[in-house]
Amino acid sequence: METENASKKLSAGDALRLAKDATSVVISKGRRVDRFMMQKDKPTDKILLTHMLGPTGNLRAPTIRCGKTLLVGFNEEVYSEIFST
């Protein structure tokens, strides 16, 4: 398992590198959940960054890589779905 110090700020470049290593990216903002299939319907970098970055320009937290799925933001239903298997 790989961990990063929570005080480390991850930029747009870091966010894109994480997304490009994933087969799916699930981004939660409150109740809204956006899912991107990186192989089938790859979004543009601009679209990914619009969803992945917070108002400060840093990667939104929490961000977790679970296998080939990248989770950005928190949504209890998504976490239950991903981590119950």
Protein backbone atom coordinates (compact mmCIF):
# COMPACT_ATOMS: atom_id res chain seq x y z
CA MET A 1 0.00 0.00 0.00
CA GLU A 2 1.26 3.48 -0.86
CA THR A 3 0.49 6.49 1.30
CA GLU A 4 1.20 10.19 0.99
CA ASN A 5 1.52 12.76 3.74
CA ALA A 6 -1.85 14.52 4.00
CA SER A 7 -0.19 17.93 4.23
CA LYS A 8 1.41 17.46 0.80
CA LYS A 9 -0.51 19.44 -1.81
CA LEU A 10 -0.97 17.67 -5.14
CA SER A 11 -1.22 19.87 -8.22
CA ALA A 12 -2.94 19.53 -11.59
CA GLY A 13 -0.01 17.56 -12.98
CA ASP A 14 -0.13 15.14 -10.06
CA ALA A 15 -3.89 14.73 -10.49
CA LEU A 16 -3.55 13.90 -14.19
CA ARG A 17 -0.79 11.36 -13.54
CA LEU A 18 -2.99 9.57 -11.01
CA ALA A 19 -5.98 9.59 -13.37
CA LYS A 20 -4.00 8.29 -16.34
CA ASP A 21 -2.81 5.28 -14.31
CA ALA A 22 -6.42 4.34 -13.51
CA THR A 23 -8.99 2.48 -15.60
CA SER A 24 -11.83 4.34 -13.88
CA VAL A 25 -12.02 7.61 -11.97
CA VAL A 26 -14.92 8.23 -9.60
CA ILE A 27 -15.28 11.81 -8.41
CA SER A 28 -17.70 12.76 -5.65
CA LYS A 29 -18.81 16.28 -4.78
CA GLY A 30 -21.52 16.07 -2.15
CA ARG A 31 -24.28 13.86 -3.55
CA ARG A 32 -23.06 14.24 -7.13
CA VAL A 33 -20.92 11.38 -8.44
CA ASP A 34 -19.16 11.47 -11.82
CA ARG A 35 -17.61 8.30 -13.24
CA PHE A 36 -15.03 8.34 -16.02
CA MET A 37 -13.96 5.21 -17.83
CA MET A 38 -10.41 6.06 -18.83
CA GLN A 39 -10.06 3.46 -21.58
CA LYS A 40 -13.50 3.58 -23.18
CA ASP A 41 -14.62 7.22 -23.01
CA LYS A 42 -11.49 9.06 -21.93
CA PRO A 43 -12.31 12.64 -20.88
CA THR A 44 -10.09 15.57 -21.79
CA ASP A 45 -7.53 16.80 -19.29
CA LYS A 46 -9.59 19.98 -18.84
CA ILE A 47 -12.72 18.03 -17.89
CA LEU A 48 -10.79 15.82 -15.46
CA LEU A 49 -9.13 18.79 -13.79
CA THR A 50 -12.42 20.67 -13.50
CA HIS A 51 -13.79 17.76 -11.47
CA MET A 52 -10.65 16.70 -9.59
CA LEU A 53 -9.29 20.02 -8.34
CA GLY A 54 -10.70 22.08 -5.53
CA PRO A 55 -10.99 25.87 -5.41
CA THR A 56 -7.33 26.20 -4.36
CA GLY A 57 -6.15 24.37 -7.48
CA ASN A 58 -5.03 21.32 -5.51
CA LEU A 59 -6.30 17.76 -5.81
CA ARG A 60 -9.45 17.33 -3.76
CA ALA A 61 -9.32 15.15 -0.69
CA PRO A 62 -9.69 12.42 0.15
CA THR A 63 -8.14 10.74 -2.86
CA ILE A 64 -7.71 6.97 -2.79
CA ARG A 65 -6.45 4.54 -5.38
CA CYS A 66 -8.07 1.13 -4.97
CA GLY A 67 -6.63 -1.22 -7.56
CA LYS A 68 -7.17 0.51 -10.90
CA THR A 69 -9.97 2.76 -9.57
CA LEU A 70 -9.20 6.30 -8.43
CA LEU A 71 -11.65 7.80 -5.94
CA VAL A 72 -11.65 11.56 -5.50
CA GLY A 73 -13.82 13.15 -2.81
CA PHE A 74 -16.08 11.33 -0.41
CA ASN A 75 -19.46 9.73 -0.96
CA GLU A 76 -20.58 7.08 1.51
CA GLU A 77 -22.49 5.05 -1.10
CA VAL A 78 -19.49 4.96 -3.47
CA TYR A 79 -17.13 3.92 -0.66
CA SER A 80 -19.53 1.15 0.39
CA GLU A 81 -19.75 -0.04 -3.21
CA ILE A 82 -15.99 -0.06 -3.77
CA PHE A 83 -14.83 -1.38 -0.40
CA SER A 84 -17.56 -4.00 0.22
CA THR A 85 -16.21 -6.35 -2.42
